[in-house]
């Protein structure tokens, strides 16, 4: 073999190795593909948006496509069908699904109280003024539906009898427009919509503390079968999400830009209101709330006997947050921060 031909072979080998390395880096950079759903145009959904916008999914080896699914009950259907393996969902919908035999399970809890205000038309001044009126929700079985019925019952008003409850899909901004046009007389809402409602002269008849009790308002849900098959994928997702929560709590201006992008609002006051309202509610260690699941089961038990004997622990998988807490990963994010 001549020196020239030997050199050419070495050069070709070096080229092949460099090309292979570049390809492997490209594949690594692309990350594992994962579709994730979110279910409300409201500030409660912010941690997922911020995780995406901060590039934290990519940092953890995931190529995440996020899709909007209007309402918790519809998001639960998408999860059960297998179309979306992980969803940021609402309230009792995943609990109902599991009671009916679906392998749905909660893996995180981002808002664990009923964080709503009741927005009503200007002529409604007190709860009894709601009698004979119409309130809108996203879909029956959703968070907004549960919160609406809960506050009405607390005030001694019978949902669907004393006060009509109507489905208006399309997100909180769509329902706000329905209140403004007098198609309906009110809705439960969250920032930034509540701030807009005040600007439009609407009344706030109830604040979050009026609803009371723990509740799985914004949990993250997956399927047991998906977790068993793709546990490392779910682990990467949870690691990224918890980093996203950290960004949410410590980088206000970045977080407000992400909120603005997804809710399509640019009003600085509205965005500040949304940030201040929700960022304090999101726990640094976002375990699914067993107390909230217990509350949801108690509400469902009025119509479903299965809910009476159900254990909250059977509806949640605490292991992912627990792993990240016990490893010191979460505490390390906040080290030196108050």
Protein backbone atom coordinates (compact mmCIF):
# COMPACT_ATOMS: atom_id res chain seq x y z
CA UNK A 1 0.00 0.00 0.00
CA UNK A 2 1.40 3.38 -0.96
CA UNK A 3 1.78 6.19 1.55
CA UNK A 4 -0.68 8.26 -0.50
CA UNK A 5 -3.43 5.60 -0.53
CA UNK A 6 -2.91 4.94 3.20
CA UNK A 7 -3.30 8.63 3.92
CA UNK A 8 -6.47 8.76 1.85
CA UNK A 9 -7.96 5.84 3.82
CA UNK A 10 -7.09 7.51 7.14
CA UNK A 11 -8.63 10.74 5.93
CA UNK A 12 -11.77 8.88 4.83
CA UNK A 13 -11.98 7.16 8.23
CA UNK A 14 -11.58 10.48 10.06
CA UNK A 15 -14.30 12.00 7.86
CA UNK A 16 -16.63 9.05 8.57
CA UNK A 17 -16.05 9.34 12.33
CA UNK A 18 -16.65 13.10 12.31
CA UNK A 19 -19.80 12.67 10.22
CA UNK A 20 -21.09 9.98 12.59
CA UNK A 21 -20.36 12.21 15.58
CA UNK A 22 -22.15 15.13 13.96
CA UNK A 23 -25.15 12.91 13.17
CA UNK A 24 -25.33 11.57 16.72
CA UNK A 25 -25.16 15.10 18.10
CA UNK A 26 -27.92 16.14 15.73
CA UNK A 27 -30.13 13.26 16.88
CA UNK A 28 -29.36 14.07 20.51
CA UNK A 29 -30.16 17.76 19.96
CA UNK A 30 -33.47 16.87 18.35
CA UNK A 31 -34.49 14.89 21.41
CA UNK A 32 -37.18 12.26 21.90
CA UNK A 33 -40.50 13.38 20.47
CA UNK A 34 -43.33 13.85 22.96
CA UNK A 35 -46.78 15.41 22.60
CA UNK A 36 -48.12 17.25 25.65
CA UNK A 37 -51.59 18.78 26.00
CA UNK A 38 -52.78 21.82 27.94
CA UNK A 39 -56.41 22.59 28.63
CA UNK A 40 -57.18 26.21 29.55
CA UNK A 41 -56.29 29.69 28.29
CA UNK A 42 -55.53 30.87 31.81
CA UNK A 43 -52.57 31.73 34.01
CA UNK A 44 -52.89 28.40 35.84
CA UNK A 45 -51.30 26.74 32.81
CA UNK A 46 -48.18 28.96 32.90
CA UNK A 47 -45.58 26.47 34.25
CA UNK A 48 -45.91 24.27 31.15
CA UNK A 49 -45.67 27.25 28.77
CA UNK A 50 -42.61 28.58 30.58
CA UNK A 51 -40.90 25.18 30.55
CA UNK A 52 -41.34 25.07 26.77
CA UNK A 53 -40.29 28.67 26.13
CA UNK A 54 -37.19 28.36 28.35
CA UNK A 55 -35.95 25.38 26.30
CA UNK A 56 -36.03 23.09 29.33
CA UNK A 57 -37.66 20.17 27.55
CA UNK A 58 -34.92 20.26 24.94
CA UNK A 59 -32.29 20.57 27.69
CA UNK A 60 -33.63 17.32 29.15
CA UNK A 61 -33.59 15.45 25.84
CA UNK A 62 -37.20 15.92 24.75
CA UNK A 63 -38.63 17.40 21.57
CA UNK A 64 -42.04 18.47 22.92
CA UNK A 65 -44.99 19.49 20.78
CA UNK A 66 -47.68 21.21 22.85
CA UNK A 67 -51.33 21.21 21.79
CA UNK A 68 -54.32 23.05 23.22
CA UNK A 69 -57.31 20.89 24.19
CA UNK A 70 -60.28 22.93 25.40
CA UNK A 71 -61.41 21.77 28.84
CA UNK A 72 -60.46 19.05 31.30
CA UNK A 73 -63.04 16.48 30.19
CA UNK A 74 -61.94 16.72 26.56
CA UNK A 75 -58.29 16.52 27.64
CA UNK A 76 -59.08 13.35 29.58
CA UNK A 77 -60.62 11.84 26.44
CA UNK A 78 -57.50 12.68 24.42
CA UNK A 79 -55.36 11.08 27.10
CA UNK A 80 -57.43 7.89 27.23
CA UNK A 81 -57.48 7.58 23.44
CA UNK A 82 -53.69 7.54 23.38
CA UNK A 83 -53.48 10.66 21.19
CA UNK A 84 -51.67 12.60 23.94
CA UNK A 85 -49.61 10.69 26.53
CA UNK A 86 -49.24 13.56 29.02
CA UNK A 87 -51.72 16.39 29.66
CA UNK A 88 -52.01 19.38 31.92
CA UNK A 89 -55.60 18.71 32.83
CA UNK A 90 -58.37 19.93 35.10
CA UNK A 91 -60.09 18.76 38.23
CA UNK A 92 -62.29 15.71 38.44
CA UNK A 93 -62.03 14.65 34.77
CA UNK A 94 -59.04 12.29 35.25
CA UNK A 95 -60.55 11.01 38.50
CA UNK A 96 -63.83 10.19 36.77
CA UNK A 97 -61.87 8.44 34.00
CA UNK A 98 -60.02 6.25 36.49
CA UNK A 99 -63.24 5.39 38.34
CA UNK A 100 -64.56 4.13 35.02
CA UNK A 101 -61.57 1.86 34.54
CA UNK A 102 -59.15 4.01 32.54
CA UNK A 103 -55.46 3.73 33.43
CA UNK A 104 -55.21 7.51 34.00
CA UNK A 105 -53.05 8.71 36.91
CA UNK A 106 -51.95 12.10 38.25
CA UNK A 107 -48.18 12.62 38.35
CA UNK A 108 -47.98 16.27 39.47
CA UNK A 109 -50.12 19.02 40.96
CA UNK A 110 -49.46 22.60 39.84
CA UNK A 111 -52.47 24.34 41.39
CA UNK A 112 -54.00 22.49 44.31
CA UNK A 113 -56.80 24.89 45.33
CA UNK A 114 -59.88 26.18 43.49
CA UNK A 115 -58.18 29.30 42.16
CA UNK A 116 -61.21 31.01 40.63
CA UNK A 117 -63.24 34.20 40.84
CA UNK A 118 -66.90 34.43 39.81
CA UNK A 119 -67.32 37.19 37.22
CA UNK A 120 -70.90 38.45 36.71
CA UNK A 121 -72.84 41.11 34.84
CA UNK A 122 -72.96 44.60 36.43
CA UNK A 123 -76.60 44.25 37.52
CA UNK A 124 -75.81 41.21 39.70
CA UNK A 125 -74.78 42.49 43.13
CA UNK A 126 -75.39 39.52 45.46
CA UNK A 127 -75.73 35.72 45.17
CA UNK A 128 -79.56 35.73 45.19
CA UNK A 129 -79.50 37.93 42.08
CA UNK A 130 -78.26 34.87 40.17
CA UNK A 131 -81.62 33.10 40.43
CA UNK A 132 -83.07 32.63 36.95
CA UNK A 133 -79.76 33.63 35.32
CA UNK A 134 -77.24 31.73 33.18
CA UNK A 135 -73.61 30.91 33.97
CA UNK A 136 -71.15 29.49 31.46
CA UNK A 137 -68.52 26.75 31.84
CA UNK A 138 -66.04 25.27 29.36
CA UNK A 139 -67.47 21.74 29.43
CA UNK A 140 -69.48 19.66 31.88
CA UNK A 141 -67.08 17.79 34.15
CA UNK A 142 -64.35 20.41 33.81
CA UNK A 143 -62.78 22.52 36.58
CA UNK A 144 -64.95 25.48 35.66
CA UNK A 145 -68.07 23.30 35.89
CA UNK A 146 -67.11 21.93 39.31
CA UNK A 147 -66.22 25.37 40.71
CA UNK A 148 -69.44 26.91 39.37
CA UNK A 149 -71.64 24.23 40.90
CA UNK A 150 -69.73 24.29 44.18
CA UNK A 151 -70.18 28.02 44.75
CA UNK A 152 -73.86 27.90 43.77
CA UNK A 153 -74.55 25.07 46.22
CA UNK A 154 -72.66 26.94 48.93
CA UNK A 155 -75.07 29.84 48.40
CA UNK A 156 -78.13 27.59 48.49
CA UNK A 157 -78.76 27.81 44.74
CA UNK A 158 -79.49 24.65 42.75
CA UNK A 159 -77.41 24.30 39.56
CA UNK A 160 -79.53 23.65 36.44
CA UNK A 161 -82.70 24.52 38.39
CA UNK A 162 -82.26 27.91 40.05
CA UNK A 163 -79.34 28.86 37.81
CA UNK A 164 -78.73 27.51 34.31
CA UNK A 165 -75.24 26.17 33.60
CA UNK A 166 -74.29 26.27 29.91
CA UNK A 167 -71.29 24.89 28.02
CA UNK A 168 -69.39 27.47 25.96
CA UNK A 169 -66.14 25.91 24.67
CA UNK A 170 -63.25 27.96 23.34
CA UNK A 171 -61.47 29.22 26.44
CA UNK A 172 -62.07 31.87 29.08
CA UNK A 173 -61.77 34.83 26.65
CA UNK A 174 -64.66 33.39 24.61
CA UNK A 175 -66.82 33.04 27.73
CA UNK A 176 -65.91 36.56 28.83
CA UNK A 177 -67.17 37.84 25.48
CA UNK A 178 -70.42 35.92 26.09
CA UNK A 179 -70.86 37.73 29.42
CA UNK A 180 -70.16 41.10 27.79
CA UNK A 181 -72.71 40.40 25.05
CA UNK A 182 -75.26 39.27 27.70
CA UNK A 183 -75.53 35.81 26.16
CA UNK A 184 -74.90 34.62 29.72
CA UNK A 185 -74.70 36.44 33.04
CA UNK A 186 -71.45 35.12 34.48
CA UNK A 187 -68.56 32.67 34.58
CA UNK A 188 -65.78 31.48 36.85
CA UNK A 189 -62.48 32.91 35.67
CA UNK A 190 -58.79 33.25 36.45
CA UNK A 191 -56.19 35.91 35.72
CA UNK A 192 -55.60 37.44 33.26
CA UNK A 193 -59.33 37.22 32.37
CA UNK A 194 -60.44 38.45 35.82
CA UNK A 195 -58.37 41.60 35.39
CA UNK A 196 -59.90 42.21 31.98
CA UNK A 197 -63.36 41.69 33.49
CA UNK A 198 -62.74 44.45 36.02
CA UNK A 199 -61.59 46.76 33.24
CA UNK A 200 -64.85 46.04 31.38
CA UNK A 201 -66.94 47.02 34.43
CA UNK A 202 -68.08 43.51 35.38
CA UNK A 203 -68.54 42.52 39.02
CA UNK A 204 -66.57 39.93 40.99
CA UNK A 205 -69.10 38.08 43.15
CA UNK A 206 -66.73 35.50 44.65
CA UNK A 207 -62.97 35.28 45.15
CA UNK A 208 -60.83 32.10 45.50
CA UNK A 209 -61.15 32.03 49.29
CA UNK A 210 -64.95 31.85 48.94
CA UNK A 211 -64.73 28.49 47.14
CA UNK A 212 -62.66 26.90 49.91
CA UNK A 213 -60.91 23.52 50.21
CA UNK A 214 -58.10 21.77 48.39
CA UNK A 215 -58.79 20.60 44.86
CA UNK A 216 -56.70 19.22 41.94
CA UNK A 217 -57.28 22.34 39.82
CA UNK A 218 -54.23 21.96 37.57
CA UNK A 219 -52.73 18.49 37.78
CA UNK A 220 -50.51 16.75 35.24
CA UNK A 221 -51.86 13.36 34.18
CA UNK A 222 -50.55 10.42 32.18
CA UNK A 223 -51.48 6.79 31.59
CA UNK A 224 -50.12 3.96 33.71
CA UNK A 225 -49.37 2.00 30.54
CA UNK A 226 -47.34 4.88 29.10
CA UNK A 227 -45.43 5.29 32.37
CA UNK A 228 -44.60 1.59 32.44
CA UNK A 229 -43.38 1.66 28.85
CA UNK A 230 -41.67 5.07 28.89
CA UNK A 231 -40.72 5.74 32.49
CA UNK A 232 -37.49 7.52 31.57
CA UNK A 233 -39.42 9.79 29.20
CA UNK A 234 -41.82 10.76 32.00
CA UNK A 235 -38.86 11.28 34.34
CA UNK A 236 -37.28 13.68 31.83
CA UNK A 237 -40.59 15.50 31.46
CA UNK A 238 -40.98 15.92 35.21
CA UNK A 239 -37.40 17.09 35.64
CA UNK A 240 -37.92 19.74 32.95
CA UNK A 241 -41.27 20.80 34.42
CA UNK A 242 -39.82 21.28 37.91
CA UNK A 243 -37.06 23.39 36.38
CA UNK A 244 -39.82 25.34 34.64
CA UNK A 245 -41.56 25.96 37.97
CA UNK A 246 -38.25 27.32 39.27
CA UNK A 247 -38.02 29.73 36.32
CA UNK A 248 -41.63 30.76 36.93
CA UNK A 249 -40.95 31.62 40.54
CA UNK A 250 -37.60 33.35 40.05
CA UNK A 251 -37.73 35.01 36.59
CA UNK A 252 -40.82 37.20 36.56
CA UNK A 253 -40.23 39.16 33.36
CA UNK A 254 -39.41 36.08 31.29
CA UNK A 255 -42.46 34.32 32.74
CA UNK A 256 -44.78 37.21 31.90
CA UNK A 257 -43.58 37.18 28.28
CA UNK A 258 -44.43 33.48 28.04
CA UNK A 259 -47.88 34.08 29.55
CA UNK A 260 -48.48 36.93 27.09
CA UNK A 261 -47.63 34.67 24.15
CA UNK A 262 -50.11 31.94 25.08
CA UNK A 263 -53.04 34.04 26.35
CA UNK A 264 -52.47 36.66 23.63
CA UNK A 265 -52.61 39.59 26.04
CA UNK A 266 -50.10 42.46 26.09
CA UNK A 267 -51.58 44.64 28.86
CA UNK A 268 -48.80 44.97 31.46
CA UNK A 269 -51.21 45.29 34.38
CA UNK A 270 -53.13 42.18 33.35
CA UNK A 271 -49.95 40.13 32.98
CA UNK A 272 -48.63 41.31 36.34
CA UNK A 273 -51.93 40.34 37.98
CA UNK A 274 -51.77 36.86 36.44
CA UNK A 275 -48.18 36.35 37.53
CA UNK A 276 -48.74 37.52 41.10
CA UNK A 277 -51.92 35.46 41.48
CA UNK A 278 -50.62 32.11 40.28
CA UNK A 279 -46.86 32.05 40.91
CA UNK A 280 -47.42 31.98 44.68
CA UNK A 281 -49.87 29.05 44.38
CA UNK A 282 -47.58 26.70 42.44
CA UNK A 283 -45.59 24.51 44.86
CA UNK A 284 -41.85 24.06 44.38
CA UNK A 285 -42.40 20.34 44.98
CA UNK A 286 -45.53 19.76 42.89
CA UNK A 287 -46.91 16.55 44.34
CA UNK A 288 -50.41 15.54 43.24
CA UNK A 289 -52.70 16.61 46.09
CA UNK A 290 -54.23 13.63 47.90
CA UNK A 291 -56.41 15.99 49.94
CA UNK A 292 -57.70 17.53 46.72
CA UNK A 293 -58.40 14.10 45.20
CA UNK A 294 -60.32 13.22 48.37
CA UNK A 295 -62.44 16.37 47.90
CA UNK A 296 -63.13 15.49 44.27
CA UNK A 297 -64.11 11.93 45.22
CA UNK A 298 -66.50 13.24 47.89
CA UNK A 299 -68.23 15.38 45.27
CA UNK A 300 -68.43 12.47 42.81
CA UNK A 301 -69.71 10.09 45.50
CA UNK A 302 -73.08 11.86 45.47
CA UNK A 303 -73.78 10.21 42.09
CA UNK A 304 -71.19 7.44 41.76
CA UNK A 305 -71.08 4.73 44.48
CA UNK A 306 -67.60 3.68 43.32
CA UNK A 307 -66.20 7.00 44.51
CA UNK A 308 -67.29 6.32 48.10
CA UNK A 309 -64.95 3.35 48.48
CA UNK A 310 -62.09 4.79 46.39
CA UNK A 311 -58.72 5.65 47.95
CA UNK A 312 -57.02 8.92 46.88
CA UNK A 313 -53.67 7.12 46.73
CA UNK A 314 -54.94 4.99 43.85
CA UNK A 315 -55.35 8.06 41.64
CA UNK A 316 -51.84 9.49 41.94
CA UNK A 317 -48.26 8.45 41.27
CA UNK A 318 -46.07 10.43 43.68
CA UNK A 319 -42.86 8.66 42.67
CA UNK A 320 -41.55 11.15 40.10
CA UNK A 321 -41.67 14.19 42.36
CA UNK A 322 -40.45 12.06 45.26
CA UNK A 323 -37.40 10.87 43.29
CA UNK A 324 -36.45 14.44 42.39
CA UNK A 325 -36.98 15.65 45.94
CA UNK A 326 -35.01 12.83 47.59
CA UNK A 327 -32.13 13.24 45.13
CA UNK A 328 -31.74 16.86 46.26
CA UNK A 329 -32.47 18.13 42.73
CA UNK A 330 -35.35 20.43 43.72
CA UNK A 331 -33.67 21.94 46.77
CA UNK A 332 -30.52 22.59 44.71
CA UNK A 333 -32.54 24.74 42.28
CA UNK A 334 -33.58 27.08 45.08
CA UNK A 335 -30.33 27.02 47.06
CA UNK A 336 -29.58 30.53 48.24
CA UNK A 337 -33.06 31.78 47.29
CA UNK A 338 -35.82 32.66 49.71
